[in-house]
Amino acid sequence: MSAYLKKGIAVWILGFITFLAGLNALNATILWALGTVDFQPYLIGQITGTMTITTYFWASTAIAFIFLGFTAIAATSKPPLDPGLVKMFVKLDGNLTANRKTVNDGLEENKTALENARMDVLDGLDGSRKASEKVIRDTTKEIMDRVEEQGKTIQGIREELLSTIKTDISDIRKETLDAIGKQTRQLQKVERLNKKSAETIETQMAELTDIRTRLERMESAFTPPQSKLTSQNKPEDVRGIGPRLAEELRAMGITSVGELVTADPTAIDEKTRLSREMAKSLQATAQLLMVPGVDENDAELLKEADVSTIRELAEQDPIQLGGKIMEIAKTHVEQKKITESEKPTIEEVLSWVKHARS
């Protein structure tokens, strides 16, 4: 039987006895709590006879702790080594010692061989280095000699080229300066001609512009002016009304310019994206564009002159309104909103008022 099996059996027996002793101590505690004074133990009562409950309690407790100690000692103590294992370990240690000695001898031999090989390699490298240095010195000297010889040759060629180039450059410079002088004189002559031509063209353009303006005014005098808008035009024909806003106006029943100018601005404000003031401004533009001869720029000038309807235009004094329009138009020309030729004349303002009253 192995030592480990013996140890396990001993631990089990001692543990069982400790368990029984513990049960006796627990039994004594319960009886003491119930008020028992004398008690005869179950197993050893014939030997010990009747004893007090306190004696029984302390005896049971002491026995339980004693056997608990024996159990702990038995559980933690190491069993004696197996002689067979001891012999095996001794033999293994001897083998390891012999192998270690063999390995050390082999390493020492390899170290010596490596050292010898390293010395051979270093000797070979040193010889190669010396030979290479000699070849490099010889090659460098040969190259330097050739470079010096080529430098002398290049210097001679350079001097010849510089002499030739200086002579050629002087001749070329003189010819170039002569050619530039001739071209400069020709360009100055052409510039004078171009300047005269430009002045002539500018004068002619001014005359043509004046003639065109006169023709337009004569045409407007003999041709009755036409209205930019009529009541049958679509709402999007008014500047400032796009396709999306036109759809919103149609959704509320406004399908023509006539319906637009007669609609309630408050209703337009409630049912479209336009504010009440913007709706009134678009209505004013539409009304003024229904007057013959009034275009979009003229409508803006009239609105800035506090004229927003055909009725208000009809009530204006043409001369006073013309002066006010001229002042506003002057500001628009300075702001580059309109050109000088687009400024309305007094005659045009008279025509607007006349058509508004008719």
Protein backbone atom coordinates (compact mmCIF):
# COMPACT_ATOMS: atom_id res chain seq x y z
CA MET A 1 0.00 0.00 0.00
CA SER A 2 1.40 3.42 -0.98
CA ALA A 3 2.13 6.14 1.55
CA TYR A 4 -0.47 8.45 -0.01
CA LEU A 5 -3.25 5.89 0.38
CA LYS A 6 -2.32 5.32 4.02
CA LYS A 7 -2.35 9.03 4.65
CA GLY A 8 -5.81 9.36 3.06
CA ILE A 9 -7.29 6.57 5.25
CA ALA A 10 -5.83 8.11 8.42
CA VAL A 11 -7.22 11.54 7.58
CA TRP A 12 -10.66 10.08 6.87
CA ILE A 13 -10.81 8.14 10.19
CA LEU A 14 -9.60 11.09 12.27
CA GLY A 15 -12.06 13.40 10.49
CA PHE A 16 -14.96 11.04 11.26
CA ILE A 17 -14.02 10.83 14.96
CA THR A 18 -13.76 14.66 15.03
CA PHE A 19 -17.23 14.85 13.51
CA LEU A 20 -18.68 12.53 16.23
CA ALA A 21 -16.98 14.56 18.96
CA GLY A 22 -18.45 17.70 17.49
CA LEU A 23 -21.93 16.14 17.53
CA ASN A 24 -21.52 15.30 21.24
CA ALA A 25 -20.49 18.90 21.96
CA LEU A 26 -23.56 20.12 20.03
CA ASN A 27 -25.79 17.69 21.94
CA ALA A 28 -24.37 18.94 25.25
CA THR A 29 -25.05 22.54 24.21
CA ILE A 30 -28.71 21.72 23.39
CA LEU A 31 -29.26 19.86 26.67
CA TRP A 32 -27.62 22.67 28.64
CA ALA A 33 -29.96 25.13 26.93
CA LEU A 34 -32.98 22.92 27.84
CA GLY A 35 -32.01 23.03 31.53
CA THR A 36 -30.73 19.46 31.94
CA VAL A 37 -28.50 19.09 35.01
CA ASP A 38 -27.24 15.46 34.97
CA PHE A 39 -26.67 13.36 31.91
CA GLN A 40 -25.39 9.86 31.11
CA PRO A 41 -23.56 9.67 27.71
CA TYR A 42 -24.94 7.23 25.16
CA LEU A 43 -21.84 5.25 24.25
CA ILE A 44 -19.59 5.61 27.29
CA GLY A 45 -22.30 6.01 29.95
CA GLN A 46 -21.62 2.55 31.44
CA ILE A 47 -17.98 3.51 31.91
CA THR A 48 -18.32 7.13 33.06
CA GLY A 49 -21.69 6.84 34.76
CA THR A 50 -23.90 9.93 35.23
CA MET A 51 -22.13 13.34 34.99
CA THR A 52 -23.18 16.96 35.10
CA ILE A 53 -24.11 18.58 31.85
CA THR A 54 -21.29 21.15 32.15
CA THR A 55 -18.68 18.42 32.57
CA TYR A 56 -20.11 16.60 29.55
CA PHE A 57 -20.05 19.81 27.48
CA TRP A 58 -16.43 20.72 28.24
CA ALA A 59 -15.22 17.14 27.84
CA SER A 60 -16.94 16.80 24.44
CA THR A 61 -15.57 20.14 23.27
CA ALA A 62 -12.01 19.30 24.37
CA ILE A 63 -12.13 15.89 22.65
CA ALA A 64 -13.47 17.50 19.43
CA PHE A 65 -10.60 20.04 19.33
CA ILE A 66 -7.99 17.35 20.12
CA PHE A 67 -9.13 15.14 17.24
CA LEU A 68 -9.44 18.24 14.97
CA GLY A 69 -5.76 18.91 15.64
CA PHE A 70 -4.81 15.30 14.86
CA THR A 71 -6.79 15.51 11.60
CA ALA A 72 -5.04 18.73 10.59
CA ILE A 73 -1.61 17.26 11.35
CA ALA A 74 -2.37 14.14 9.36
CA ALA A 75 -3.72 16.16 6.42
CA THR A 76 -0.77 18.58 6.18
CA SER A 77 2.12 16.19 6.93
CA LYS A 78 4.18 14.93 3.98
CA PRO A 79 4.38 11.16 3.44
CA PRO A 80 7.87 9.64 3.32
CA LEU A 81 9.45 9.53 -0.14
CA ASP A 82 9.20 6.36 -2.16
CA PRO A 83 12.67 4.68 -2.34
CA GLY A 84 12.08 3.89 -6.01
CA LEU A 85 11.43 7.57 -6.76
CA VAL A 86 14.56 8.56 -4.82
CA LYS A 87 16.68 6.15 -6.87
CA MET A 88 15.12 7.43 -10.08
CA PHE A 89 15.84 11.10 -9.16
CA VAL A 90 19.47 10.23 -8.25
CA LYS A 91 19.95 8.47 -11.57
CA LEU A 92 18.31 11.39 -13.47
CA ASP A 93 20.60 13.88 -11.72
CA GLY A 94 23.67 11.84 -12.73
CA ASN A 95 22.52 11.75 -16.37
CA LEU A 96 21.94 15.51 -16.34
CA THR A 97 25.41 16.11 -14.91
CA ALA A 98 27.01 13.95 -17.62
CA ASN A 99 25.00 15.69 -20.38
CA ARG A 100 25.95 19.11 -19.00
CA LYS A 101 29.65 18.17 -19.05
CA THR A 102 29.32 16.92 -22.66
CA VAL A 103 27.55 20.11 -23.74
CA ASN A 104 30.14 22.32 -22.04
CA ASP A 105 32.97 20.43 -23.76
CA GLY A 106 31.21 20.82 -27.14
CA LEU A 107 30.64 24.53 -26.58
CA GLU A 108 34.29 25.04 -25.67
CA GLU A 109 35.37 23.30 -28.87
CA ASN A 110 32.90 25.33 -30.98
CA LYS A 111 34.09 28.55 -29.33
CA THR A 112 37.71 27.76 -30.24
CA ALA A 113 36.74 26.90 -33.82
CA LEU A 114 34.69 30.10 -34.15
CA GLU A 115 37.56 32.19 -32.81
CA ASN A 116 39.95 30.67 -35.32
CA ALA A 117 37.48 31.23 -38.17
CA ARG A 118 36.96 34.86 -37.08
CA MET A 119 40.71 35.49 -37.11
CA ASP A 120 40.96 33.97 -40.61
CA VAL A 121 38.12 36.18 -41.88
CA LEU A 122 39.71 39.30 -40.33
CA ASP A 123 43.05 38.49 -41.94
CA GLY A 124 41.36 38.01 -45.30
CA LEU A 125 39.41 41.28 -44.95
CA ASP A 126 42.54 43.19 -44.00
CA GLY A 127 44.34 41.87 -47.08
CA SER A 128 41.38 42.75 -49.32
CA ARG A 129 41.18 46.24 -47.79
CA LYS A 130 44.85 46.93 -48.49
CA ALA A 131 44.52 45.69 -52.06
CA SER A 132 41.38 47.82 -52.60
CA GLU A 133 43.06 50.91 -51.19
CA LYS A 134 45.98 50.47 -53.60
CA VAL A 135 43.60 50.05 -56.56
CA ILE A 136 41.60 53.10 -55.47
CA ARG A 137 44.74 55.25 -55.11
CA ASP A 138 45.98 54.25 -58.53
CA THR A 139 42.58 54.80 -60.15
CA THR A 140 42.10 58.17 -58.42
CA LYS A 141 45.52 59.41 -59.59
CA GLU A 142 44.74 58.35 -63.14
CA ILE A 143 41.34 60.06 -63.07
CA MET A 144 42.78 63.28 -61.64
CA ASP A 145 45.41 63.37 -64.36
CA ARG A 146 42.76 62.96 -67.03
CA VAL A 147 40.52 65.61 -65.43
CA GLU A 148 43.40 68.09 -65.29
CA GLU A 149 44.22 67.44 -68.94
CA GLN A 150 40.57 67.85 -69.97
CA GLY A 151 40.34 71.04 -67.90
CA LYS A 152 43.19 72.60 -69.83
CA THR A 153 41.54 71.63 -73.10
CA ILE A 154 38.15 73.05 -72.01
CA GLN A 155 39.81 76.30 -70.88
CA GLY A 156 41.34 76.78 -74.32
CA ILE A 157 38.03 76.10 -76.04
CA ARG A 158 36.24 78.47 -73.63
CA GLU A 159 38.63 81.31 -74.41
CA GLU A 160 38.16 80.83 -78.17
CA LEU A 161 34.35 80.72 -77.79
CA LEU A 162 34.29 83.85 -75.61
CA SER A 163 36.33 85.77 -78.18
CA THR A 164 34.03 84.65 -81.00
CA ILE A 165 30.84 85.28 -78.98
CA LYS A 166 31.94 88.81 -78.01
CA THR A 167 32.50 89.70 -81.66
CA ASP A 168 29.18 88.15 -82.75
CA ILE A 169 27.24 89.74 -79.86
CA SER A 170 28.52 93.20 -80.74
CA ASP A 171 27.39 92.79 -84.37
CA ILE A 172 24.03 91.29 -83.33
CA ARG A 173 23.46 94.04 -80.75
CA LYS A 174 24.03 96.76 -83.31
CA GLU A 175 21.70 95.11 -85.84
CA THR A 176 19.05 94.51 -83.15
CA LEU A 177 19.15 98.14 -81.95
CA ASP A 178 18.77 99.36 -85.53
CA ALA A 179 15.79 97.05 -86.09
CA ILE A 180 14.17 98.09 -82.77
CA GLY A 181 14.60 101.78 -83.69
CA LYS A 182 12.86 101.24 -87.02
CA GLN A 183 10.00 99.27 -85.38
CA THR A 184 9.63 101.93 -82.68
CA ARG A 185 9.26 104.68 -85.26
CA GLN A 186 6.71 102.61 -87.17
CA LEU A 187 4.74 101.84 -83.99
CA GLN A 188 4.65 105.53 -83.05
CA LYS A 189 3.34 106.36 -86.51
CA VAL A 190 0.68 103.61 -86.20
CA GLU A 191 -0.25 104.79 -82.68
CA ARG A 192 -0.82 108.34 -83.95
CA LEU A 193 -3.02 106.98 -86.71
CA ASN A 194 -4.94 104.75 -84.26
CA LYS A 195 -5.47 107.68 -81.91
CA LYS A 196 -6.97 109.74 -84.69
CA SER A 197 -9.09 106.79 -85.77
CA ALA A 198 -10.30 106.19 -82.21
CA GLU A 199 -11.29 109.84 -81.82
CA THR A 200 -13.11 109.73 -85.14
CA ILE A 201 -14.92 106.50 -84.20
CA GLU A 202 -15.90 107.90 -80.81
CA THR A 203 -17.29 111.04 -82.40
CA GLN A 204 -19.23 108.98 -84.93
CA MET A 205 -20.61 106.69 -82.20
CA ALA A 206 -21.82 109.72 -80.22
CA GLU A 207 -23.47 111.09 -83.34
CA LEU A 208 -25.09 107.71 -84.06
CA THR A 209 -26.38 107.46 -80.49
CA ASP A 210 -27.86 110.94 -80.72
CA ILE A 211 -29.46 110.11 -84.06
CA ARG A 212 -30.92 106.86 -82.68
CA THR A 213 -32.36 108.72 -79.67
CA ARG A 214 -33.92 111.31 -81.95
CA LEU A 215 -35.37 108.59 -84.17
CA GLU A 216 -36.82 106.77 -81.17
CA ARG A 217 -38.40 109.98 -79.92
CA MET A 218 -39.78 110.77 -83.40
CA GLU A 219 -41.12 107.24 -83.63
CA SER A 220 -42.74 107.51 -80.23
CA ALA A 221 -44.23 110.88 -81.24
CA PHE A 222 -45.86 109.45 -84.36
CA THR A 223 -46.67 106.01 -82.91
CA PRO A 224 -49.21 105.82 -80.10
CA PRO A 225 -47.67 104.24 -76.98
CA GLN A 226 -48.85 100.77 -76.00
CA SER A 227 -49.60 99.38 -72.56
CA LYS A 228 -47.14 96.85 -71.17
CA LEU A 229 -50.01 94.99 -69.52
CA THR A 230 -53.71 94.55 -70.02
CA SER A 231 -56.28 93.15 -67.63
CA GLN A 232 -56.13 89.84 -69.53
CA ASN A 233 -52.41 89.24 -68.91
CA LYS A 234 -51.34 86.44 -66.58
CA PRO A 235 -50.18 87.33 -63.04
CA GLU A 236 -46.64 86.09 -63.76
CA ASP A 237 -46.30 88.80 -66.46
CA VAL A 238 -45.87 91.28 -63.59
CA ARG A 239 -42.25 91.72 -62.52
CA GLY A 240 -41.77 90.09 -59.10
CA ILE A 241 -44.33 87.27 -59.56
CA GLY A 242 -42.71 83.94 -60.28
CA PRO A 243 -44.28 80.59 -61.26
CA ARG A 244 -44.68 79.40 -57.66
CA LEU A 245 -46.35 82.61 -56.48
CA ALA A 246 -48.56 82.59 -59.58
CA GLU A 247 -49.78 79.09 -58.60
CA GLU A 248 -50.62 80.36 -55.12
CA LEU A 249 -52.57 83.29 -56.61
CA ARG A 250 -54.47 80.93 -58.93
CA ALA A 251 -55.29 78.72 -55.96
CA MET A 252 -57.13 81.69 -54.39
CA GLY A 253 -58.90 82.53 -57.69
CA ILE A 254 -56.60 85.22 -59.17
CA THR A 255 -55.90 84.18 -62.77
CA SER A 256 -55.35 87.55 -64.52
CA VAL A 257 -53.85 90.99 -63.97
CA GLY A 258 -57.33 92.50 -63.76
CA GLU A 259 -58.23 90.18 -60.86
CA LEU A 260 -54.86 90.92 -59.21
CA VAL A 261 -55.29 94.72 -59.13
CA THR A 262 -58.85 94.43 -57.76
CA ALA A 263 -58.05 91.79 -55.08
CA ASP A 264 -57.91 92.58 -51.35
CA PRO A 265 -54.25 92.86 -50.23
CA THR A 266 -55.20 91.44 -46.82
CA ALA A 267 -56.61 88.29 -48.44
CA ILE A 268 -53.43 87.91 -50.52
CA ASP A 269 -51.40 88.28 -47.32
CA GLU A 270 -53.41 85.52 -45.60
CA LYS A 271 -53.40 83.01 -48.46
CA THR A 272 -49.95 83.46 -50.05
CA ARG A 273 -46.36 84.04 -49.03
CA LEU A 274 -46.69 87.76 -49.79
CA SER A 275 -47.05 90.34 -47.02
CA ARG A 276 -49.78 92.97 -47.27
CA GLU A 277 -47.27 95.71 -48.20
CA MET A 278 -45.66 93.52 -50.88
CA ALA A 279 -49.07 92.67 -52.32
CA LYS A 280 -49.95 96.39 -52.55
CA SER A 281 -46.60 97.10 -54.26
CA LEU A 282 -47.23 94.41 -56.91
CA GLN A 283 -50.76 95.71 -57.45
CA ALA A 284 -49.37 99.23 -57.94
CA THR A 285 -46.82 97.97 -60.47
CA ALA A 286 -49.52 96.10 -62.39
CA GLN A 287 -51.82 99.17 -62.48
CA LEU A 288 -49.09 101.54 -63.67
CA LEU A 289 -47.96 99.11 -66.39
CA MET A 290 -51.53 99.26 -67.77
CA VAL A 291 -50.92 102.97 -68.59
CA PRO A 292 -49.63 103.35 -72.20
CA GLY A 293 -45.95 104.30 -72.37
CA VAL A 294 -45.09 103.21 -68.79
CA ASP A 295 -42.51 100.42 -68.53
CA GLU A 296 -41.07 98.64 -65.46
CA ASN A 297 -38.43 101.32 -64.78
CA ASP A 298 -41.02 104.08 -65.14
CA ALA A 299 -43.34 102.24 -62.72
CA GLU A 300 -40.60 102.11 -60.09
CA LEU A 301 -39.95 105.85 -60.50
CA LEU A 302 -43.67 106.61 -60.15
CA LYS A 303 -43.95 104.49 -56.98
CA GLU A 304 -41.02 106.33 -55.42
CA ALA A 305 -42.83 109.57 -56.32
CA ASP A 306 -45.81 108.29 -54.22
CA VAL A 307 -47.93 107.43 -57.28
CA SER A 308 -49.29 103.89 -56.92
CA THR A 309 -52.55 103.83 -58.90
CA ILE A 310 -53.91 105.08 -62.20
CA ARG A 311 -56.23 107.40 -60.29
CA GLU A 312 -53.33 108.99 -58.39
CA LEU A 313 -51.43 109.44 -61.68
CA ALA A 314 -54.44 111.16 -63.27
CA GLU A 315 -54.64 113.63 -60.36
CA GLN A 316 -50.98 114.73 -60.71
CA ASP A 317 -49.75 118.03 -62.14
CA PRO A 318 -47.56 116.91 -65.08
CA ILE A 319 -44.92 119.59 -64.60
CA GLN A 320 -44.52 119.03 -60.86
CA LEU A 321 -44.59 115.25 -61.31
CA GLY A 322 -42.01 115.55 -64.11
CA GLY A 323 -39.62 117.52 -61.87
CA LYS A 324 -39.98 114.96 -59.10
CA ILE A 325 -39.45 112.09 -61.55
CA MET A 326 -36.32 113.78 -62.95
CA GLU A 327 -34.77 114.07 -59.46
CA ILE A 328 -35.51 110.42 -58.66
CA ALA A 329 -34.21 109.28 -62.07
CA LYS A 330 -30.98 111.20 -61.50
CA THR A 331 -30.39 109.14 -58.33
CA HIS A 332 -31.18 105.92 -60.22
CA VAL A 333 -28.64 106.81 -62.91
CA GLU A 334 -25.98 107.42 -60.24
CA GLN A 335 -26.82 104.04 -58.68
CA LYS A 336 -26.65 102.47 -62.19
CA LYS A 337 -30.21 101.16 -61.96
CA ILE A 338 -31.02 102.84 -65.28
CA THR A 339 -28.98 104.54 -68.02
CA GLU A 340 -29.04 108.20 -68.99
CA SER A 341 -31.07 107.42 -72.11
CA GLU A 342 -33.74 105.63 -70.03
CA LYS A 343 -34.60 108.77 -68.04
CA PRO A 344 -38.19 109.82 -68.87
CA THR A 345 -38.73 113.25 -70.40
CA ILE A 346 -41.36 115.83 -69.49
CA GLU A 347 -43.19 114.95 -72.69
CA GLU A 348 -43.40 111.30 -71.59
CA VAL A 349 -44.73 112.28 -68.16
CA LEU A 350 -47.36 114.49 -69.88
CA SER A 351 -48.33 111.49 -72.02
CA TRP A 352 -48.68 109.25 -68.91
CA VAL A 353 -50.96 111.73 -67.14
CA LYS A 354 -52.97 112.27 -70.32
CA HIS A 355 -53.56 108.53 -70.82
CA ALA A 356 -54.37 108.04 -67.11
CA ARG A 357 -57.06 110.74 -67.36
CA SER A 358 -58.57 109.35 -70.57
